[in-house]
Amino acid sequence: DFTPLADIEETDTGWTVESDPSLTGGEWERGVPIDDGVDGDPTEDYDGSGQCFLTENVIGNSDVDWGPTWMISAEFDMSALSNPVLRFAYWWSNDDQDGDPMYIEVGTYDDIGGEYTWTLIDTIANVPTDWFTTAYFLADYATLTSQTKIRISAEDVPNDSKDEGAIDAVEIFDV
């Protein structure tokens, strides 16, 4: 088993947060959920360990406004893996079910262009408000290299909904 992203929520394993300048609320952060769930945010993490990544973890209306906001993994070497699987739990709440998305992407570094090329794995939208788990065979989406990253984004464009997201129990393993 190869698990470079196991238990990302409890310790800093190199994930960074970046946001589009249009974002006015809801930036990703790691923490123990503190809100009451009234606006669609989770009241606890998925796996019972305490922390998860959330979109703005504050009491009250803390949803994503405009954006996107991205959480981006550290770079890791997946070139020697035979069939890596990305698995995690997610929470996505969109109060009016108007298609506001959470995107899951895999990125590989382009030596010629000097930047990451991002490939969409999944769009999570219009789902019930609750924790769900999902898994993806990463090689189905990109040629994995020694410089691979995962990116998860959330947005509310146009800003007309209450959108709350969370990610927990992230791991990659080889099968």
N, C-alpha and C. Protein backbone atom coordinates (compact mmCIF):
# COMPACT_ATOMS: atom_id res chain seq x y z
N ASP A 1 0.82 -1.20 0.00
CA ASP A 1 0.00 0.00 0.00
C ASP A 1 0.87 1.26 0.00
N PHE A 2 0.46 2.24 -0.76
CA PHE A 2 1.14 3.51 -0.87
C PHE A 2 0.12 4.57 -0.47
N THR A 3 0.34 5.26 0.63
CA THR A 3 -0.65 6.23 1.10
C THR A 3 -0.01 7.58 1.40
N PRO A 4 0.44 8.31 0.38
CA PRO A 4 1.10 9.58 0.64
C PRO A 4 0.16 10.66 1.18
N LEU A 5 -1.16 10.48 1.04
CA LEU A 5 -2.09 11.50 1.48
C LEU A 5 -2.93 11.06 2.67
N ALA A 6 -2.59 9.98 3.31
CA ALA A 6 -3.39 9.48 4.42
C ALA A 6 -3.43 10.49 5.56
N ASP A 7 -4.59 10.66 6.15
CA ASP A 7 -4.78 11.47 7.35
C ASP A 7 -4.33 12.92 7.18
N ILE A 8 -4.64 13.51 6.04
CA ILE A 8 -4.21 14.88 5.77
C ILE A 8 -4.85 15.90 6.70
N GLU A 9 -5.96 15.53 7.28
CA GLU A 9 -6.71 16.50 8.06
C GLU A 9 -6.14 16.71 9.45
N GLU A 10 -5.38 15.76 9.96
CA GLU A 10 -4.89 15.84 11.34
C GLU A 10 -3.50 16.48 11.43
N THR A 11 -2.73 16.39 10.37
CA THR A 11 -1.39 16.99 10.36
C THR A 11 -1.19 17.72 9.04
N ASP A 12 -0.25 18.63 9.02
CA ASP A 12 0.05 19.37 7.81
C ASP A 12 0.92 18.51 6.91
N THR A 13 0.36 18.05 5.81
CA THR A 13 1.12 17.23 4.87
C THR A 13 1.39 17.99 3.57
N GLY A 14 1.35 19.30 3.64
CA GLY A 14 1.75 20.10 2.50
C GLY A 14 0.64 20.62 1.61
N TRP A 15 -0.59 20.43 1.99
CA TRP A 15 -1.69 21.00 1.20
C TRP A 15 -1.64 22.52 1.31
N THR A 16 -1.90 23.17 0.20
CA THR A 16 -1.97 24.63 0.18
C THR A 16 -3.37 25.05 -0.25
N VAL A 17 -3.71 26.27 0.08
CA VAL A 17 -5.00 26.84 -0.31
C VAL A 17 -4.72 28.07 -1.16
N GLU A 18 -5.37 28.13 -2.30
CA GLU A 18 -5.32 29.30 -3.17
C GLU A 18 -6.75 29.65 -3.53
N SER A 19 -7.00 30.93 -3.76
CA SER A 19 -8.36 31.35 -4.11
C SER A 19 -8.32 32.40 -5.21
N ASP A 20 -9.31 32.34 -6.07
CA ASP A 20 -9.49 33.35 -7.09
C ASP A 20 -9.74 34.69 -6.40
N PRO A 21 -9.24 35.79 -6.94
CA PRO A 21 -9.45 37.10 -6.31
C PRO A 21 -10.93 37.47 -6.11
N SER A 22 -11.83 36.84 -6.87
CA SER A 22 -13.26 37.14 -6.72
C SER A 22 -13.88 36.52 -5.46
N LEU A 23 -13.19 35.57 -4.83
CA LEU A 23 -13.75 34.90 -3.66
C LEU A 23 -13.93 35.90 -2.51
N THR A 24 -15.16 35.98 -1.97
CA THR A 24 -15.43 36.89 -0.85
C THR A 24 -15.75 36.14 0.43
N GLY A 25 -15.83 34.82 0.37
CA GLY A 25 -16.07 34.01 1.57
C GLY A 25 -15.98 32.55 1.24
N GLY A 26 -15.67 31.74 2.26
CA GLY A 26 -15.68 30.30 2.09
C GLY A 26 -14.36 29.66 1.71
N GLU A 27 -13.24 30.32 1.98
CA GLU A 27 -11.94 29.73 1.62
C GLU A 27 -11.71 28.44 2.42
N TRP A 28 -11.08 27.44 1.77
CA TRP A 28 -10.77 26.17 2.42
C TRP A 28 -9.87 26.39 3.64
N GLU A 29 -10.11 25.63 4.70
CA GLU A 29 -9.23 25.60 5.87
C GLU A 29 -9.40 24.28 6.60
N ARG A 30 -8.36 23.91 7.34
CA ARG A 30 -8.40 22.67 8.12
C ARG A 30 -8.83 22.99 9.53
N GLY A 31 -9.75 22.18 10.09
CA GLY A 31 -10.17 22.41 11.46
C GLY A 31 -11.25 21.45 11.92
N VAL A 32 -11.64 21.60 13.17
CA VAL A 32 -12.74 20.85 13.77
C VAL A 32 -14.02 21.63 13.45
N PRO A 33 -15.02 21.01 12.80
CA PRO A 33 -16.24 21.74 12.48
C PRO A 33 -16.85 22.38 13.73
N ILE A 34 -17.17 23.69 13.63
CA ILE A 34 -17.68 24.40 14.80
C ILE A 34 -19.09 24.95 14.65
N ASP A 35 -19.67 24.88 13.46
CA ASP A 35 -20.98 25.48 13.25
C ASP A 35 -22.10 24.48 13.59
N ASP A 36 -23.34 24.97 13.57
CA ASP A 36 -24.49 24.18 13.98
C ASP A 36 -25.18 23.44 12.84
N GLY A 37 -24.72 23.60 11.61
CA GLY A 37 -25.28 22.89 10.48
C GLY A 37 -26.50 23.55 9.86
N VAL A 38 -26.97 24.64 10.41
CA VAL A 38 -28.19 25.29 9.92
C VAL A 38 -28.04 25.74 8.47
N ASP A 39 -26.88 26.22 8.09
CA ASP A 39 -26.67 26.71 6.73
C ASP A 39 -26.11 25.64 5.79
N GLY A 40 -26.14 24.38 6.21
CA GLY A 40 -25.69 23.29 5.35
C GLY A 40 -24.28 22.82 5.59
N ASP A 41 -23.61 23.36 6.59
CA ASP A 41 -22.24 22.95 6.88
C ASP A 41 -22.23 21.73 7.80
N PRO A 42 -21.18 20.90 7.74
CA PRO A 42 -21.14 19.73 8.61
C PRO A 42 -20.90 20.12 10.07
N THR A 43 -21.46 19.36 10.98
CA THR A 43 -21.26 19.61 12.40
C THR A 43 -20.16 18.74 12.99
N GLU A 44 -19.69 17.77 12.20
CA GLU A 44 -18.58 16.91 12.63
C GLU A 44 -17.86 16.38 11.40
N ASP A 45 -16.63 15.91 11.61
CA ASP A 45 -15.88 15.35 10.50
C ASP A 45 -16.43 13.97 10.14
N TYR A 46 -15.94 13.40 9.06
CA TYR A 46 -16.45 12.12 8.57
C TYR A 46 -15.99 10.93 9.40
N ASP A 47 -14.69 10.88 9.69
CA ASP A 47 -14.11 9.66 10.27
C ASP A 47 -13.95 9.68 11.79
N GLY A 48 -14.42 10.73 12.44
CA GLY A 48 -14.35 10.78 13.90
C GLY A 48 -12.99 11.15 14.46
N SER A 49 -12.04 11.53 13.60
CA SER A 49 -10.71 11.88 14.07
C SER A 49 -10.64 13.30 14.62
N GLY A 50 -11.64 14.11 14.31
CA GLY A 50 -11.71 15.47 14.83
C GLY A 50 -11.70 16.54 13.76
N GLN A 51 -10.72 16.50 12.85
CA GLN A 51 -10.57 17.57 11.86
C GLN A 51 -10.89 17.09 10.45
N CYS A 52 -11.20 18.07 9.63
CA CYS A 52 -11.36 17.85 8.19
C CYS A 52 -11.04 19.18 7.51
N PHE A 53 -11.03 19.19 6.21
CA PHE A 53 -10.94 20.46 5.48
C PHE A 53 -12.36 20.95 5.25
N LEU A 54 -12.59 22.25 5.50
CA LEU A 54 -13.91 22.85 5.34
C LEU A 54 -13.80 24.17 4.59
N THR A 55 -14.91 24.57 4.01
CA THR A 55 -14.97 25.90 3.42
C THR A 55 -15.39 26.87 4.51
N GLU A 56 -14.45 27.71 4.93
CA GLU A 56 -14.58 28.70 6.00
C GLU A 56 -15.30 28.16 7.23
N ASN A 57 -14.54 27.75 8.18
CA ASN A 57 -15.03 27.11 9.40
C ASN A 57 -15.30 28.15 10.49
N VAL A 58 -16.42 28.84 10.39
CA VAL A 58 -16.83 29.82 11.39
C VAL A 58 -18.31 29.63 11.70
N ILE A 59 -18.75 30.16 12.82
CA ILE A 59 -20.16 30.10 13.18
C ILE A 59 -20.93 31.11 12.34
N GLY A 60 -22.08 30.69 11.84
CA GLY A 60 -22.92 31.56 11.02
C GLY A 60 -22.76 31.27 9.55
N ASN A 61 -23.22 32.19 8.73
CA ASN A 61 -23.17 32.03 7.29
C ASN A 61 -21.72 32.12 6.82
N SER A 62 -21.13 30.99 6.49
CA SER A 62 -19.72 30.93 6.12
C SER A 62 -19.53 30.27 4.76
N ASP A 63 -20.56 30.35 3.94
CA ASP A 63 -20.50 29.58 2.70
C ASP A 63 -19.58 30.20 1.66
N VAL A 64 -19.34 29.45 0.60
CA VAL A 64 -18.51 29.90 -0.51
C VAL A 64 -19.26 30.98 -1.27
N ASP A 65 -18.60 32.10 -1.48
CA ASP A 65 -19.16 33.20 -2.27
C ASP A 65 -18.18 33.54 -3.39
N TRP A 66 -18.63 33.35 -4.62
CA TRP A 66 -17.84 33.54 -5.82
C TRP A 66 -16.74 32.48 -5.87
N GLY A 67 -15.54 32.85 -6.27
CA GLY A 67 -14.45 31.87 -6.30
C GLY A 67 -14.05 31.48 -7.70
N PRO A 68 -13.33 30.37 -7.75
CA PRO A 68 -13.23 29.27 -6.79
C PRO A 68 -12.16 29.45 -5.73
N THR A 69 -12.23 28.53 -4.73
CA THR A 69 -11.17 28.33 -3.76
C THR A 69 -10.66 26.91 -3.98
N TRP A 70 -9.33 26.77 -4.00
CA TRP A 70 -8.70 25.48 -4.30
C TRP A 70 -7.91 24.98 -3.10
N MET A 71 -8.00 23.67 -2.81
CA MET A 71 -7.03 23.03 -1.93
C MET A 71 -6.20 22.12 -2.83
N ILE A 72 -4.86 22.28 -2.71
CA ILE A 72 -3.94 21.61 -3.63
C ILE A 72 -2.94 20.80 -2.82
N SER A 73 -2.82 19.53 -3.17
CA SER A 73 -1.91 18.64 -2.44
C SER A 73 -0.46 19.01 -2.70
N ALA A 74 0.40 18.50 -1.86
CA ALA A 74 1.83 18.56 -2.13
C ALA A 74 2.11 17.71 -3.37
N GLU A 75 3.26 17.93 -3.96
CA GLU A 75 3.67 17.14 -5.12
C GLU A 75 4.15 15.77 -4.64
N PHE A 76 3.81 14.74 -5.37
CA PHE A 76 4.30 13.41 -5.01
C PHE A 76 4.55 12.58 -6.25
N ASP A 77 5.38 11.57 -6.08
CA ASP A 77 5.81 10.71 -7.18
C ASP A 77 4.86 9.53 -7.31
N MET A 78 4.12 9.50 -8.42
CA MET A 78 3.22 8.38 -8.68
C MET A 78 3.65 7.59 -9.91
N SER A 79 4.84 7.87 -10.41
CA SER A 79 5.29 7.26 -11.67
C SER A 79 5.50 5.75 -11.56
N ALA A 80 5.80 5.23 -10.37
CA ALA A 80 6.08 3.80 -10.22
C ALA A 80 4.85 3.01 -9.77
N LEU A 81 3.73 3.66 -9.57
CA LEU A 81 2.54 2.95 -9.11
C LEU A 81 1.82 2.30 -10.28
N SER A 82 1.27 1.11 -10.04
CA SER A 82 0.63 0.40 -11.13
C SER A 82 -0.82 0.85 -11.36
N ASN A 83 -1.58 1.06 -10.30
CA ASN A 83 -2.97 1.46 -10.47
C ASN A 83 -3.45 2.23 -9.23
N PRO A 84 -2.98 3.46 -9.06
CA PRO A 84 -3.32 4.21 -7.85
C PRO A 84 -4.79 4.64 -7.80
N VAL A 85 -5.33 4.56 -6.60
CA VAL A 85 -6.72 4.95 -6.34
C VAL A 85 -6.72 6.13 -5.37
N LEU A 86 -7.47 7.15 -5.70
CA LEU A 86 -7.73 8.27 -4.80
C LEU A 86 -9.08 8.01 -4.15
N ARG A 87 -9.10 8.01 -2.81
CA ARG A 87 -10.35 7.77 -2.09
C ARG A 87 -10.48 8.82 -0.99
N PHE A 88 -11.69 9.33 -0.78
CA PHE A 88 -11.92 10.32 0.26
C PHE A 88 -13.41 10.43 0.56
N ALA A 89 -13.71 11.12 1.64
CA ALA A 89 -15.09 11.45 1.98
C ALA A 89 -15.31 12.92 1.66
N TYR A 90 -16.50 13.24 1.19
CA TYR A 90 -16.82 14.64 0.88
C TYR A 90 -18.20 15.01 1.41
N TRP A 91 -18.36 16.29 1.64
CA TRP A 91 -19.62 16.91 2.03
C TRP A 91 -19.83 18.08 1.08
N TRP A 92 -20.97 18.14 0.42
CA TRP A 92 -21.26 19.28 -0.43
C TRP A 92 -22.72 19.65 -0.25
N SER A 93 -22.95 20.86 0.17
CA SER A 93 -24.30 21.37 0.38
C SER A 93 -24.51 22.58 -0.51
N ASN A 94 -25.56 22.53 -1.30
CA ASN A 94 -25.95 23.64 -2.18
C ASN A 94 -27.45 23.83 -1.95
N ASP A 95 -27.81 24.87 -1.21
CA ASP A 95 -29.19 25.01 -0.72
C ASP A 95 -30.25 25.02 -1.81
N ASP A 96 -29.95 25.56 -2.98
CA ASP A 96 -30.98 25.63 -4.02
C ASP A 96 -30.74 24.65 -5.18
N GLN A 97 -29.74 23.76 -5.00
CA GLN A 97 -29.46 22.71 -6.00
C GLN A 97 -29.39 23.26 -7.43
N ASP A 98 -28.68 24.40 -7.58
CA ASP A 98 -28.58 25.03 -8.90
C ASP A 98 -27.30 24.66 -9.64
N GLY A 99 -26.63 23.60 -9.21
CA GLY A 99 -25.47 23.10 -9.94
C GLY A 99 -24.13 23.65 -9.52
N ASP A 100 -24.08 24.47 -8.45
CA ASP A 100 -22.77 24.94 -7.99
C ASP A 100 -21.90 23.73 -7.70
N PRO A 101 -20.65 23.74 -8.20
CA PRO A 101 -19.83 22.53 -8.15
C PRO A 101 -18.70 22.53 -7.12
N MET A 102 -18.31 21.32 -6.80
CA MET A 102 -17.01 21.04 -6.21
C MET A 102 -16.31 20.17 -7.26
N TYR A 103 -15.13 20.62 -7.71
CA TYR A 103 -14.39 19.90 -8.75
C TYR A 103 -13.25 19.10 -8.13
N ILE A 104 -13.02 17.90 -8.67
CA ILE A 104 -11.91 17.04 -8.28
C ILE A 104 -11.02 16.92 -9.51
N GLU A 105 -9.72 17.24 -9.36
CA GLU A 105 -8.81 17.22 -10.49
C GLU A 105 -7.48 16.57 -10.12
N VAL A 106 -6.81 16.02 -11.13
CA VAL A 106 -5.45 15.52 -10.97
C VAL A 106 -4.57 16.37 -11.88
N GLY A 107 -3.40 16.72 -11.36
CA GLY A 107 -2.49 17.56 -12.14
C GLY A 107 -1.13 16.93 -12.29
N THR A 108 -0.56 17.07 -13.48
CA THR A 108 0.80 16.61 -13.73
C THR A 108 1.62 17.77 -14.27
N TYR A 109 2.88 17.79 -13.89
CA TYR A 109 3.76 18.89 -14.26
C TYR A 109 4.23 18.75 -15.69
N ASP A 110 4.14 19.83 -16.43
CA ASP A 110 4.60 19.88 -17.81
C ASP A 110 5.96 20.56 -17.84
N ASP A 111 7.01 19.76 -18.07
CA ASP A 111 8.38 20.31 -18.08
C ASP A 111 8.56 21.38 -19.16
N ILE A 112 7.90 21.21 -20.28
CA ILE A 112 8.06 22.16 -21.39
C ILE A 112 7.38 23.49 -21.05
N GLY A 113 6.15 23.42 -20.58
CA GLY A 113 5.41 24.63 -20.25
C GLY A 113 5.73 25.20 -18.88
N GLY A 114 6.32 24.37 -18.02
CA GLY A 114 6.69 24.83 -16.70
C GLY A 114 5.53 25.05 -15.75
N GLU A 115 4.43 24.33 -15.96
CA GLU A 115 3.28 24.46 -15.07
C GLU A 115 2.50 23.16 -15.04
N TYR A 116 1.53 23.08 -14.15
CA TYR A 116 0.69 21.90 -14.03
C TYR A 116 -0.43 21.92 -15.06
N THR A 117 -0.70 20.76 -15.62
CA THR A 117 -1.86 20.56 -16.48
C THR A 117 -2.89 19.82 -15.64
N TRP A 118 -4.07 20.42 -15.46
CA TRP A 118 -5.11 19.85 -14.61
C TRP A 118 -6.16 19.14 -15.45
N THR A 119 -6.50 17.92 -15.02
CA THR A 119 -7.51 17.11 -15.70
C THR A 119 -8.66 16.86 -14.74
N LEU A 120 -9.87 17.17 -15.18
CA LEU A 120 -11.06 16.98 -14.36
C LEU A 120 -11.34 15.50 -14.15
N ILE A 121 -11.49 15.10 -12.90
CA ILE A 121 -11.87 13.73 -12.56
C ILE A 121 -13.37 13.64 -12.34
N ASP A 122 -13.92 14.61 -11.61
CA ASP A 122 -15.35 14.55 -11.28
C ASP A 122 -15.85 15.95 -10.93
N THR A 123 -17.14 16.15 -11.16
CA THR A 123 -17.85 17.34 -10.72
C THR A 123 -18.93 16.89 -9.75
N ILE A 124 -18.83 17.36 -8.52
CA ILE A 124 -19.82 17.01 -7.51
C ILE A 124 -20.80 18.18 -7.41
N ALA A 125 -22.07 17.92 -7.69
CA ALA A 125 -23.09 18.97 -7.65
C ALA A 125 -24.45 18.32 -7.46
N ASN A 126 -25.37 19.10 -6.89
CA ASN A 126 -26.76 18.65 -6.71
C ASN A 126 -26.86 17.29 -6.03
N VAL A 127 -26.16 17.15 -4.92
CA VAL A 127 -26.19 15.93 -4.12
C VAL A 127 -26.88 16.24 -2.79
N PRO A 128 -27.41 15.22 -2.10
CA PRO A 128 -27.97 15.47 -0.77
C PRO A 128 -26.89 15.97 0.19
N THR A 129 -27.30 16.75 1.17
CA THR A 129 -26.37 17.28 2.16
C THR A 129 -26.05 16.20 3.18
N ASP A 130 -24.86 15.62 3.06
CA ASP A 130 -24.42 14.56 3.96
C ASP A 130 -23.00 14.19 3.57
N TRP A 131 -22.37 13.32 4.37
CA TRP A 131 -21.06 12.78 4.03
C TRP A 131 -21.23 11.61 3.08
N PHE A 132 -20.41 11.56 2.04
CA PHE A 132 -20.35 10.45 1.10
C PHE A 132 -18.89 10.10 0.86
N THR A 133 -18.64 8.88 0.41
CA THR A 133 -17.28 8.49 0.03
C THR A 133 -17.25 8.23 -1.47
N THR A 134 -16.08 8.42 -2.05
CA THR A 134 -15.91 8.17 -3.47
C THR A 134 -14.47 7.71 -3.71
N ALA A 135 -14.24 7.08 -4.83
CA ALA A 135 -12.90 6.61 -5.20
C ALA A 135 -12.74 6.70 -6.71
N TYR A 136 -11.51 6.97 -7.14
CA TYR A 136 -11.21 7.11 -8.57
C TYR A 136 -9.88 6.43 -8.87
N PHE A 137 -9.82 5.70 -9.98
CA PHE A 137 -8.57 5.16 -10.49
C PHE A 137 -7.89 6.30 -11.25
N LEU A 138 -6.83 6.85 -10.69
CA LEU A 138 -6.21 8.07 -11.24
C LEU A 138 -5.64 7.89 -12.64
N ALA A 139 -5.12 6.71 -12.95
CA ALA A 139 -4.54 6.48 -14.28
C ALA A 139 -5.59 6.52 -15.37
N ASP A 140 -6.87 6.44 -15.02
CA ASP A 140 -7.93 6.58 -16.01
C ASP A 140 -8.07 8.01 -16.50
N TYR A 141 -7.45 8.96 -15.80
CA TYR A 141 -7.64 10.37 -16.11
C TYR A 141 -6.38 11.08 -16.59
N ALA A 142 -5.22 10.58 -16.22
CA ALA A 142 -3.97 11.25 -16.59
C ALA A 142 -2.82 10.26 -16.59
N THR A 143 -1.77 10.60 -17.33
CA THR A 143 -0.53 9.85 -17.25
C THR A 143 0.21 10.37 -16.02
N LEU A 144 0.31 9.53 -15.01
CA LEU A 144 0.85 9.95 -13.73
C LEU A 144 2.37 9.99 -13.78
N THR A 145 2.94 11.01 -13.17
CA THR A 145 4.37 11.25 -13.25
C THR A 145 4.97 11.37 -11.85
N SER A 146 6.23 11.73 -11.83
CA SER A 146 6.91 11.95 -10.55
C SER A 146 6.50 13.27 -9.93
N GLN A 147 5.73 14.07 -10.66
CA GLN A 147 5.26 15.37 -10.17
C GLN A 147 3.74 15.44 -10.36
N THR A 148 3.02 14.80 -9.46
CA THR A 148 1.56 14.72 -9.54
C THR A 148 0.95 15.41 -8.33
N LYS A 149 -0.16 16.08 -8.54
CA LYS A 149 -0.90 16.73 -7.46
C LYS A 149 -2.39 16.45 -7.61
N ILE A 150 -3.12 16.64 -6.52
CA ILE A 150 -4.58 16.58 -6.50
C ILE A 150 -5.08 17.98 -6.16
N ARG A 151 -6.16 18.40 -6.82
CA ARG A 151 -6.75 19.72 -6.53
C ARG A 151 -8.26 19.56 -6.38
N ILE A 152 -8.79 20.15 -5.31
CA ILE A 152 -10.23 20.13 -5.05
C ILE A 152 -10.68 21.58 -4.92
N SER A 153 -11.71 21.95 -5.67
CA SER A 153 -12.16 23.33 -5.65
C SER A 153 -13.65 23.42 -5.37
N ALA A 154 -14.05 24.59 -4.90
CA ALA A 154 -15.46 24.88 -4.63
C ALA A 154 -15.73 26.30 -5.10
N GLU A 155 -16.94 26.52 -5.64
CA GLU A 155 -17.29 27.86 -6.10
C GLU A 155 -18.81 28.06 -6.08
N ASP A 156 -19.19 29.32 -6.04
CA ASP A 156 -20.59 29.73 -6.14
C ASP A 156 -20.63 30.89 -7.12
N VAL A 157 -20.75 30.56 -8.41
CA VAL A 157 -20.73 31.56 -9.47
C VAL A 157 -21.95 31.35 -10.37
N PRO A 158 -22.91 32.29 -10.41
CA PRO A 158 -22.93 33.55 -9.67
C PRO A 158 -23.24 33.30 -8.20
N ASN A 159 -22.92 34.27 -7.37
CA ASN A 159 -23.09 34.15 -5.93
C ASN A 159 -24.57 34.30 -5.57
N ASP A 160 -25.29 33.16 -5.63
CA ASP A 160 -26.72 33.20 -5.36
C ASP A 160 -27.21 32.02 -4.52
N SER A 161 -26.29 31.30 -3.87
CA SER A 161 -26.64 30.11 -3.10
C SER A 161 -25.83 30.07 -1.82
N LYS A 162 -26.23 29.16 -0.92
CA LYS A 162 -25.40 28.83 0.24
C LYS A 162 -24.73 27.50 -0.08
N ASP A 163 -23.40 27.56 -0.27
CA ASP A 163 -22.61 26.38 -0.63
C ASP A 163 -21.58 26.12 0.45
N GLU A 164 -21.61 24.91 1.02
CA GLU A 164 -20.68 24.50 2.07
C GLU A 164 -20.03 23.19 1.66
N GLY A 165 -18.70 23.10 1.79
CA GLY A 165 -18.00 21.88 1.43
C GLY A 165 -17.06 21.42 2.52
N ALA A 166 -16.75 20.12 2.49
CA ALA A 166 -15.76 19.54 3.41
C ALA A 166 -15.16 18.30 2.75
N ILE A 167 -13.92 18.00 3.13
CA ILE A 167 -13.18 16.84 2.63
C ILE A 167 -12.53 16.17 3.84
N ASP A 168 -12.58 14.84 3.88
CA ASP A 168 -11.99 14.11 5.01
C ASP A 168 -11.52 12.74 4.53
N ALA A 169 -10.66 12.12 5.32
CA ALA A 169 -10.19 10.74 5.11
C ALA A 169 -9.61 10.52 3.71
N VAL A 170 -8.76 11.44 3.27
CA VAL A 170 -8.14 11.34 1.94
C VAL A 170 -6.99 10.35 1.98
N GLU A 171 -6.96 9.47 0.99
CA GLU A 171 -5.83 8.55 0.87
C GLU A 171 -5.65 8.15 -0.59
N ILE A 172 -4.43 7.78 -0.91
CA ILE A 172 -4.12 7.19 -2.19
C ILE A 172 -3.45 5.85 -1.91
N PHE A 173 -3.91 4.83 -2.61
CA PHE A 173 -3.28 3.52 -2.44
C PHE A 173 -3.20 2.84 -3.80
N ASP A 174 -2.28 1.92 -3.93
CA ASP A 174 -2.03 1.22 -5.19
C ASP A 174 -2.67 -0.14 -5.15
N VAL A 175 -3.35 -0.51 -6.26
CA VAL A 175 -3.94 -1.84 -6.35
C VAL A 175 -3.40 -2.56 -7.56
